[in-house]
Amino acid sequence: MSIEFWQQLKDEAGQLVDNEPLLASYVHTCILAHHNFETALSFILSNKLADDVMRALSVREMFEQIYLMHPEVVEAAICDIEAAFKRDPAVHSFLTVLLNFKGFQAIQVHRLAHQLWNAGRKDLALFIQSRNSEVFSVDIHPAAKIGQGVMFDHATGIVVGETAVIENNVSIMQSVTLGGTGNEAGDRHPKVREGVMIGAGAKILGNIIIGEGAKVGAGSVVLSDVPAHVTVAGIPAKVVGKPTCQKPCETMQQNILED
């Protein structure tokens, strides 16, 4: 899968160089100078994250070590790019997502922080989280679990708490919070099941479940479990209908009145 995907990326990069000479050097440095997707991705992300405390080379080495030890992280990144390509009508190439979509990039940085957290390197994981927030305006605790095929659309202002879980194939719009309800300890953040779409500005609070294939309307405040395959909206959120498809994450239909 990754070999075919990488060839597609290189083809798109070649077309971009032909069509936009001003970006030729940038595209060559990010894509065409590399021999596989992993090295290109690590180069792009490390240069985004680097600062005076941690240089790009050091960050890149961490990414490449994680990709070598955990190839499932690379497969998840590919699924995330494909998800954005399929769900966002503004996207016309895989390359656009890789180079320009900060929601995609923020998720991949979190995957590094999550692996560091699991390996007991918690202070470093928290540092990576902080840089992720500063650079991409997305704040994801390193312990949070995120599946594959996840899209953060626009992404600015998304917050994901420590014990949150986002399963495979979920779409989340900007300014969404998966948070707690206070300073309680333990398992205190939402669990978002497969196929869910969460509209812009929604606040989902507490150790609650957003059921498979559910839709959360923009601006809603969700304080209790949401059943599978329903649409909820309001403050506090209530069931207002049913999505017109089994996986709202794919259609990205924002108008809850059509449900």
C-alpha atoms as a PDB file:
ATOM      1  CA  MET A   1       0.000   0.000   0.000  1.00  0.00           C
ATOM      2  CA  SER A   2       2.699   2.505   0.985  1.00  0.00           C
ATOM      3  CA  ILE A   3       4.710   1.887  -2.226  1.00  0.00           C
ATOM      4  CA  GLU A   4       1.748   2.649  -4.489  1.00  0.00           C
ATOM      5  CA  PHE A   5       0.812   5.616  -2.337  1.00  0.00           C
ATOM      6  CA  TRP A   6       4.349   6.965  -2.481  1.00  0.00           C
ATOM      7  CA  GLN A   7       4.415   6.699  -6.262  1.00  0.00           C
ATOM      8  CA  GLN A   8       1.157   8.650  -6.421  1.00  0.00           C
ATOM      9  CA  LEU A   9       2.673  11.367  -4.252  1.00  0.00           C
ATOM     10  CA  LYS A  10       5.761  11.595  -6.440  1.00  0.00           C
ATOM     11  CA  ASP A  11       3.632  11.832  -9.570  1.00  0.00           C
ATOM     12  CA  GLU A  12       1.616  14.646  -8.027  1.00  0.00           C
ATOM     13  CA  ALA A  13       4.825  16.374  -6.942  1.00  0.00           C
ATOM     14  CA  GLY A  14       6.190  16.217 -10.471  1.00  0.00           C
ATOM     15  CA  GLN A  15       3.002  17.752 -11.845  1.00  0.00           C
ATOM     16  CA  LEU A  16       3.127  20.527  -9.260  1.00  0.00           C
ATOM     17  CA  VAL A  17       6.733  21.355 -10.160  1.00  0.00           C
ATOM     18  CA  ASP A  18       5.706  21.640 -13.827  1.00  0.00           C
ATOM     19  CA  ASN A  19       2.656  23.773 -13.062  1.00  0.00           C
ATOM     20  CA  GLU A  20       4.111  26.063 -10.397  1.00  0.00           C
ATOM     21  CA  PRO A  21       7.855  26.732 -10.751  1.00  0.00           C
ATOM     22  CA  LEU A  22       7.891  28.981  -7.678  1.00  0.00           C
ATOM     23  CA  LEU A  23       7.220  25.887  -5.548  1.00  0.00           C
ATOM     24  CA  ALA A  24       9.694  23.633  -7.366  1.00  0.00           C
ATOM     25  CA  SER A  25      12.484  23.884  -4.801  1.00  0.00           C
ATOM     26  CA  TYR A  26      10.083  23.393  -1.900  1.00  0.00           C
ATOM     27  CA  VAL A  27       8.429  20.343  -3.453  1.00  0.00           C
ATOM     28  CA  HIS A  28      11.772  18.825  -4.337  1.00  0.00           C
ATOM     29  CA  THR A  29      13.036  19.292  -0.785  1.00  0.00           C
ATOM     30  CA  CYS A  30       9.878  17.873   0.803  1.00  0.00           C
ATOM     31  CA  ILE A  31       9.077  15.041  -1.615  1.00  0.00           C
ATOM     32  CA  LEU A  32      11.320  14.355  -4.600  1.00  0.00           C
ATOM     33  CA  ALA A  33      14.567  14.291  -2.616  1.00  0.00           C
ATOM     34  CA  HIS A  34      13.295  11.384  -0.494  1.00  0.00           C
ATOM     35  CA  HIS A  35      13.182   7.670  -1.203  1.00  0.00           C
ATOM     36  CA  ASN A  36       9.937   6.822   0.621  1.00  0.00           C
ATOM     37  CA  PHE A  37       6.880   8.301   2.302  1.00  0.00           C
ATOM     38  CA  GLU A  38       8.250   7.878   5.817  1.00  0.00           C
ATOM     39  CA  THR A  39      11.339  10.003   5.232  1.00  0.00           C
ATOM     40  CA  ALA A  40       9.333  12.706   3.448  1.00  0.00           C
ATOM     41  CA  LEU A  41       6.770  12.833   6.259  1.00  0.00           C
ATOM     42  CA  SER A  42       9.431  12.971   8.961  1.00  0.00           C
ATOM     43  CA  PHE A  43      11.217  15.780   7.100  1.00  0.00           C
ATOM     44  CA  ILE A  44       8.062  17.868   6.731  1.00  0.00           C
ATOM     45  CA  LEU A  45       6.903  17.444  10.320  1.00  0.00           C
ATOM     46  CA  SER A  46      10.306  17.934  11.923  1.00  0.00           C
ATOM     47  CA  ASN A  47      10.856  21.210  10.116  1.00  0.00           C
ATOM     48  CA  LYS A  48       7.437  22.407  11.237  1.00  0.00           C
ATOM     49  CA  LEU A  49       8.126  21.510  14.885  1.00  0.00           C
ATOM     50  CA  ALA A  50      11.756  22.552  15.212  1.00  0.00           C
ATOM     51  CA  ASP A  51      12.665  25.457  17.476  1.00  0.00           C
ATOM     52  CA  ASP A  52      15.663  26.773  19.404  1.00  0.00           C
ATOM     53  CA  VAL A  53      15.260  24.035  22.020  1.00  0.00           C
ATOM     54  CA  MET A  54      15.055  21.063  19.662  1.00  0.00           C
ATOM     55  CA  ARG A  55      16.559  21.183  16.195  1.00  0.00           C
ATOM     56  CA  ALA A  56      14.914  19.668  13.128  1.00  0.00           C
ATOM     57  CA  LEU A  57      17.433  16.827  12.855  1.00  0.00           C
ATOM     58  CA  SER A  58      16.737  15.631  16.402  1.00  0.00           C
ATOM     59  CA  VAL A  59      12.975  15.692  15.845  1.00  0.00           C
ATOM     60  CA  ARG A  60      13.353  13.943  12.507  1.00  0.00           C
ATOM     61  CA  GLU A  61      15.366  11.140  14.081  1.00  0.00           C
ATOM     62  CA  MET A  62      12.556  10.582  16.607  1.00  0.00           C
ATOM     63  CA  PHE A  63       9.943  10.375  13.867  1.00  0.00           C
ATOM     64  CA  GLU A  64      11.985   7.957  11.776  1.00  0.00           C
ATOM     65  CA  GLN A  65      12.670   5.713  14.764  1.00  0.00           C
ATOM     66  CA  ILE A  66       8.950   5.573  15.538  1.00  0.00           C
ATOM     67  CA  TYR A  67       8.123   4.785  11.903  1.00  0.00           C
ATOM     68  CA  LEU A  68      10.696   1.984  11.882  1.00  0.00           C
ATOM     69  CA  MET A  69       9.470   0.444  15.134  1.00  0.00           C
ATOM     70  CA  HIS A  70       5.766   1.038  14.536  1.00  0.00           C
ATOM     71  CA  PRO A  71       4.898   0.736  10.833  1.00  0.00           C
ATOM     72  CA  GLU A  72       1.215   0.929  11.765  1.00  0.00           C
ATOM     73  CA  VAL A  73       1.792   4.642  12.448  1.00  0.00           C
ATOM     74  CA  VAL A  74       2.788   5.104   8.800  1.00  0.00           C
ATOM     75  CA  GLU A  75      -0.267   3.184   7.606  1.00  0.00           C
ATOM     76  CA  ALA A  76      -2.453   5.378   9.805  1.00  0.00           C
ATOM     77  CA  ALA A  77      -0.944   8.507   8.222  1.00  0.00           C
ATOM     78  CA  ILE A  78      -1.752   7.187   4.758  1.00  0.00           C
ATOM     79  CA  CYS A  79      -5.334   6.455   5.814  1.00  0.00           C
ATOM     80  CA  ASP A  80      -5.619   9.993   7.217  1.00  0.00           C
ATOM     81  CA  ILE A  81      -4.508  11.513   3.910  1.00  0.00           C
ATOM     82  CA  GLU A  82      -6.930   9.346   1.959  1.00  0.00           C
ATOM     83  CA  ALA A  83      -9.738  10.313   4.330  1.00  0.00           C
ATOM     84  CA  ALA A  84      -9.160  14.034   3.782  1.00  0.00           C
ATOM     85  CA  PHE A  85      -8.915  13.494   0.027  1.00  0.00           C
ATOM     86  CA  LYS A  86     -12.248  11.661  -0.084  1.00  0.00           C
ATOM     87  CA  ARG A  87     -14.180  13.871   2.347  1.00  0.00           C
ATOM     88  CA  ASP A  88     -13.035  17.406   1.559  1.00  0.00           C
ATOM     89  CA  PRO A  89     -14.232  18.801  -1.805  1.00  0.00           C
ATOM     90  CA  ALA A  90     -11.460  21.410  -1.639  1.00  0.00           C
ATOM     91  CA  VAL A  91      -8.784  18.694  -1.856  1.00  0.00           C
ATOM     92  CA  HIS A  92      -7.681  17.559  -5.314  1.00  0.00           C
ATOM     93  CA  SER A  93      -4.495  15.635  -4.495  1.00  0.00           C
ATOM     94  CA  PHE A  94      -2.852  13.628  -1.734  1.00  0.00           C
ATOM     95  CA  LEU A  95       0.075  16.042  -1.894  1.00  0.00           C
ATOM     96  CA  THR A  96      -2.079  18.991  -0.859  1.00  0.00           C
ATOM     97  CA  VAL A  97      -3.037  17.238   2.374  1.00  0.00           C
ATOM     98  CA  LEU A  98       0.535  16.235   3.175  1.00  0.00           C
ATOM     99  CA  LEU A  99       2.056  19.664   2.564  1.00  0.00           C
ATOM    100  CA  ASN A 100      -0.675  22.069   3.608  1.00  0.00           C
ATOM    101  CA  PHE A 101      -3.304  20.586   5.941  1.00  0.00           C
ATOM    102  CA  LYS A 102      -2.426  21.377   9.531  1.00  0.00           C
ATOM    103  CA  GLY A 103      -5.155  19.083  10.848  1.00  0.00           C
ATOM    104  CA  PHE A 104      -3.428  16.140   9.189  1.00  0.00           C
ATOM    105  CA  GLN A 105      -0.010  17.319  10.358  1.00  0.00           C
ATOM    106  CA  ALA A 106      -1.180  17.831  13.933  1.00  0.00           C
ATOM    107  CA  ILE A 107      -2.537  14.276  14.121  1.00  0.00           C
ATOM    108  CA  GLN A 108       0.786  12.868  12.893  1.00  0.00           C
ATOM    109  CA  VAL A 109       2.711  14.894  15.491  1.00  0.00           C
ATOM    110  CA  HIS A 110       0.365  13.503  18.126  1.00  0.00           C
ATOM    111  CA  ARG A 111       1.164   9.982  16.969  1.00  0.00           C
ATOM    112  CA  LEU A 112       4.829  10.666  17.808  1.00  0.00           C
ATOM    113  CA  ALA A 113       3.929  12.127  21.208  1.00  0.00           C
ATOM    114  CA  HIS A 114       1.643   9.160  21.921  1.00  0.00           C
ATOM    115  CA  GLN A 115       4.396   6.632  21.216  1.00  0.00           C
ATOM    116  CA  LEU A 116       6.800   8.575  23.440  1.00  0.00           C
ATOM    117  CA  TRP A 117       4.176   8.657  26.199  1.00  0.00           C
ATOM    118  CA  ASN A 118       3.639   4.899  25.931  1.00  0.00           C
ATOM    119  CA  ALA A 119       7.401   4.373  26.110  1.00  0.00           C
ATOM    120  CA  GLY A 120       7.562   6.243  29.429  1.00  0.00           C
ATOM    121  CA  ARG A 121       9.148   9.393  27.964  1.00  0.00           C
ATOM    122  CA  LYS A 122       6.351  11.551  29.287  1.00  0.00           C
ATOM    123  CA  ASP A 123       8.192  14.842  29.680  1.00  0.00           C
ATOM    124  CA  LEU A 124       9.362  14.698  26.062  1.00  0.00           C
ATOM    125  CA  ALA A 125       5.847  13.717  24.958  1.00  0.00           C
ATOM    126  CA  LEU A 126       4.427  16.764  26.751  1.00  0.00           C
ATOM    127  CA  PHE A 127       7.028  18.979  25.103  1.00  0.00           C
ATOM    128  CA  ILE A 128       5.967  17.664  21.676  1.00  0.00           C
ATOM    129  CA  GLN A 129       2.334  18.283  22.633  1.00  0.00           C
ATOM    130  CA  SER A 130       3.170  21.880  23.521  1.00  0.00           C
ATOM    131  CA  ARG A 131       4.960  22.453  20.219  1.00  0.00           C
ATOM    132  CA  ASN A 132       2.011  20.864  18.379  1.00  0.00           C
ATOM    133  CA  SER A 133      -0.314  23.340  20.047  1.00  0.00           C
ATOM    134  CA  GLU A 134       1.930  26.300  19.309  1.00  0.00           C
ATOM    135  CA  VAL A 135       2.510  25.435  15.663  1.00  0.00           C
ATOM    136  CA  PHE A 136      -0.863  24.036  14.593  1.00  0.00           C
ATOM    137  CA  SER A 137      -3.302  25.416  17.213  1.00  0.00           C
ATOM    138  CA  VAL A 138      -4.374  21.851  18.022  1.00  0.00           C
ATOM    139  CA  ASP A 139      -3.959  20.589  21.597  1.00  0.00           C
ATOM    140  CA  ILE A 140      -4.013  16.791  21.997  1.00  0.00           C
ATOM    141  CA  HIS A 141      -2.832  15.155  25.201  1.00  0.00           C
ATOM    142  CA  PRO A 142      -0.156  12.542  24.390  1.00  0.00           C
ATOM    143  CA  ALA A 143      -2.133   9.796  26.158  1.00  0.00           C
ATOM    144  CA  ALA A 144      -5.235  10.272  23.991  1.00  0.00           C
ATOM    145  CA  LYS A 145      -5.895   7.432  21.558  1.00  0.00           C
ATOM    146  CA  ILE A 146      -6.611   8.232  17.912  1.00  0.00           C
ATOM    147  CA  GLY A 147      -7.422   5.666  15.237  1.00  0.00           C
ATOM    148  CA  GLN A 148      -6.795   5.872  11.500  1.00  0.00           C
ATOM    149  CA  GLY A 149      -8.793   7.555   8.772  1.00  0.00           C
ATOM    150  CA  VAL A 150      -9.334  10.536  11.096  1.00  0.00           C
ATOM    151  CA  MET A 151      -9.801  14.023   9.656  1.00  0.00           C
ATOM    152  CA  PHE A 152      -9.481  17.283  11.567  1.00  0.00           C
ATOM    153  CA  ASP A 153     -11.022  19.721   9.096  1.00  0.00           C
ATOM    154  CA  HIS A 154      -9.554  23.254   9.413  1.00  0.00           C
ATOM    155  CA  ALA A 155      -8.472  22.033  12.874  1.00  0.00           C
ATOM    156  CA  THR A 156      -7.866  25.380  14.620  1.00  0.00           C
ATOM    157  CA  GLY A 157      -8.856  25.201  18.268  1.00  0.00           C
ATOM    158  CA  ILE A 158      -9.408  21.447  18.562  1.00  0.00           C
ATOM    159  CA  VAL A 159      -8.723  20.158  22.097  1.00  0.00           C
ATOM    160  CA  VAL A 160      -8.525  16.455  23.006  1.00  0.00           C
ATOM    161  CA  GLY A 161      -8.151  15.396  26.639  1.00  0.00           C
ATOM    162  CA  GLU A 162      -5.936  12.757  28.218  1.00  0.00           C
ATOM    163  CA  THR A 163      -8.353   9.819  28.377  1.00  0.00           C
ATOM    164  CA  ALA A 164     -10.234  10.602  25.157  1.00  0.00           C
ATOM    165  CA  VAL A 165     -10.535   7.951  22.455  1.00  0.00           C
ATOM    166  CA  ILE A 166     -11.211   8.684  18.779  1.00  0.00           C
ATOM    167  CA  GLU A 167     -11.813   5.486  16.835  1.00  0.00           C
ATOM    168  CA  ASN A 168     -11.215   4.872  13.117  1.00  0.00           C
ATOM    169  CA  ASN A 169     -12.951   6.939  10.448  1.00  0.00           C
ATOM    170  CA  VAL A 170     -14.034  10.017  12.383  1.00  0.00           C
ATOM    171  CA  SER A 171     -14.329  13.603  11.135  1.00  0.00           C
ATOM    172  CA  ILE A 172     -13.985  16.542  13.511  1.00  0.00           C
ATOM    173  CA  MET A 173     -14.395  20.191  12.575  1.00  0.00           C
ATOM    174  CA  GLN A 174     -12.605  23.213  14.029  1.00  0.00           C
ATOM    175  CA  SER A 175     -12.958  24.420  17.633  1.00  0.00           C
ATOM    176  CA  VAL A 176     -14.218  21.061  18.948  1.00  0.00           C
ATOM    177  CA  THR A 177     -13.408  20.094  22.538  1.00  0.00           C
ATOM    178  CA  LEU A 178     -13.288  16.534  23.845  1.00  0.00           C
ATOM    179  CA  GLY A 179     -12.882  17.521  27.476  1.00  0.00           C
ATOM    180  CA  GLY A 180     -13.682  16.781  31.083  1.00  0.00           C
ATOM    181  CA  THR A 181     -16.333  18.279  33.302  1.00  0.00           C
ATOM    182  CA  GLY A 182     -14.054  19.393  36.127  1.00  0.00           C
ATOM    183  CA  ASN A 183     -10.855  18.432  37.922  1.00  0.00           C
ATOM    184  CA  GLU A 184     -11.865  14.829  38.499  1.00  0.00           C
ATOM    185  CA  ALA A 185      -9.179  12.160  38.087  1.00  0.00           C
ATOM    186  CA  GLY A 186      -9.265   8.913  36.152  1.00  0.00           C
ATOM    187  CA  ASP A 187     -11.164   8.138  32.960  1.00  0.00           C
ATOM    188  CA  ARG A 188     -12.910  11.449  32.342  1.00  0.00           C
ATOM    189  CA  HIS A 189     -12.996  12.202  28.610  1.00  0.00           C
ATOM    190  CA  PRO A 190     -15.235  11.214  25.677  1.00  0.00           C
ATOM    191  CA  LYS A 191     -15.041   8.070  23.581  1.00  0.00           C
ATOM    192  CA  VAL A 192     -15.899   8.750  19.936  1.00  0.00           C
ATOM    193  CA  ARG A 193     -16.887   5.647  17.994  1.00  0.00           C
ATOM    194  CA  GLU A 194     -16.319   4.868  14.326  1.00  0.00           C
ATOM    195  CA  GLY A 195     -18.094   6.830  11.621  1.00  0.00           C
ATOM    196  CA  VAL A 196     -18.915   9.875  13.765  1.00  0.00           C
ATOM    197  CA  MET A 197     -18.915  13.458  12.515  1.00  0.00           C
ATOM    198  CA  ILE A 198     -18.593  16.325  15.030  1.00  0.00           C
ATOM    199  CA  GLY A 199     -19.597  19.789  13.824  1.00  0.00           C
ATOM    200  CA  ALA A 200     -17.662  23.000  14.359  1.00  0.00           C
ATOM    201  CA  GLY A 201     -17.489  24.349  17.891  1.00  0.00           C
ATOM    202  CA  ALA A 202     -19.124  21.372  19.580  1.00  0.00           C
ATOM    203  CA  LYS A 203     -18.112  20.720  23.194  1.00  0.00           C
ATOM    204  CA  ILE A 204     -18.279  17.081  24.294  1.00  0.00           C
ATOM    205  CA  LEU A 205     -17.581  16.794  28.004  1.00  0.00           C
ATOM    206  CA  GLY A 206     -17.079  13.901  30.387  1.00  0.00           C
ATOM    207  CA  ASN A 207     -16.542  10.166  30.180  1.00  0.00           C
ATOM    208  CA  ILE A 208     -19.356   9.657  27.692  1.00  0.00           C
ATOM    209  CA  ILE A 209     -19.764   7.693  24.472  1.00  0.00           C
ATOM    210  CA  ILE A 210     -20.597   9.154  21.080  1.00  0.00           C
ATOM    211  CA  GLY A 211     -22.103   6.107  19.410  1.00  0.00           C
ATOM    212  CA  GLU A 212     -21.093   4.658  16.073  1.00  0.00           C
ATOM    213  CA  GLY A 213     -22.261   6.656  13.076  1.00  0.00           C
ATOM    214  CA  ALA A 214     -23.650   9.524  15.152  1.00  0.00           C
ATOM    215  CA  LYS A 215     -23.605  13.204  14.182  1.00  0.00           C
ATOM    216  CA  VAL A 216     -23.080  16.123  16.569  1.00  0.00           C
ATOM    217  CA  GLY A 217     -24.386  19.454  15.320  1.00  0.00           C
ATOM    218  CA  ALA A 218     -22.209  22.561  15.256  1.00  0.00           C
ATOM    219  CA  GLY A 219     -22.097  24.508  18.507  1.00  0.00           C
ATOM    220  CA  SER A 220     -23.668  21.739  20.590  1.00  0.00           C
ATOM    221  CA  VAL A 221     -22.754  20.934  24.187  1.00  0.00           C
ATOM    222  CA  VAL A 222     -22.901  17.181  24.779  1.00  0.00           C
ATOM    223  CA  LEU A 223     -22.999  16.015  28.398  1.00  0.00           C
ATOM    224  CA  SER A 224     -24.401  12.475  28.142  1.00  0.00           C
ATOM    225  CA  ASP A 225     -24.057   9.392  25.958  1.00  0.00           C
ATOM    226  CA  VAL A 226     -25.191   9.668  22.356  1.00  0.00           C
ATOM    227  CA  PRO A 227     -26.764   6.518  20.849  1.00  0.00           C
ATOM    228  CA  ALA A 228     -25.449   5.091  17.590  1.00  0.00           C
ATOM    229  CA  HIS A 229     -26.765   6.507  14.312  1.00  0.00           C
ATOM    230  CA  VAL A 230     -28.578   9.555  15.659  1.00  0.00           C
ATOM    231  CA  THR A 231     -28.103  13.295  15.205  1.00  0.00           C
ATOM    232  CA  VAL A 232     -27.843  15.451  18.315  1.00  0.00           C
ATOM    233  CA  ALA A 233     -27.818  19.229  18.623  1.00  0.00           C
ATOM    234  CA  GLY A 234     -28.400  22.005  21.118  1.00  0.00           C
ATOM    235  CA  ILE A 235     -27.335  23.095  24.603  1.00  0.00           C
ATOM    236  CA  PRO A 236     -27.521  20.607  26.158  1.00  0.00           C
ATOM    237  CA  ALA A 237     -27.570  18.358  23.109  1.00  0.00           C
ATOM    238  CA  LYS A 238     -30.666  16.279  22.406  1.00  0.00           C
ATOM    239  CA  VAL A 239     -31.590  13.818  19.685  1.00  0.00           C
ATOM    240  CA  VAL A 240     -33.048  15.770  16.758  1.00  0.00           C
ATOM    241  CA  GLY A 241     -33.015  13.153  14.005  1.00  0.00           C
ATOM    242  CA  LYS A 242     -30.975  10.503  12.242  1.00  0.00           C
ATOM    243  CA  PRO A 243     -28.124  10.933   9.765  1.00  0.00           C
ATOM    244  CA  THR A 244     -28.993  10.190   6.159  1.00  0.00           C
ATOM    245  CA  CYS A 245     -26.095   7.711   5.925  1.00  0.00           C
ATOM    246  CA  GLN A 246     -24.386   5.123   8.098  1.00  0.00           C
ATOM    247  CA  LYS A 247     -21.111   7.062   8.294  1.00  0.00           C
ATOM    248  CA  PRO A 248     -21.619  10.830   8.590  1.00  0.00           C
ATOM    249  CA  CYS A 249     -17.842  11.223   8.737  1.00  0.00           C
ATOM    250  CA  GLU A 250     -17.728  10.478   5.011  1.00  0.00           C
ATOM    251  CA  THR A 251     -20.479  12.737   3.671  1.00  0.00           C
ATOM    252  CA  MET A 252     -19.611  15.678   5.980  1.00  0.00           C
ATOM    253  CA  GLN A 253     -23.212  16.899   5.760  1.00  0.00           C
ATOM    254  CA  GLN A 254     -23.368  19.798   8.216  1.00  0.00           C
ATOM    255  CA  ASN A 255     -27.036  20.762   7.880  1.00  0.00           C
ATOM    256  CA  ILE A 256     -28.775  18.885  10.705  1.00  0.00           C
ATOM    257  CA  LEU A 257     -32.184  20.036   9.458  1.00  0.00           C
ATOM    258  CA  GLU A 258     -31.855  17.501   6.645  1.00  0.00           C
ATOM    259  CA  ASP A 259     -31.728  14.715   9.239  1.00  0.00           C
END
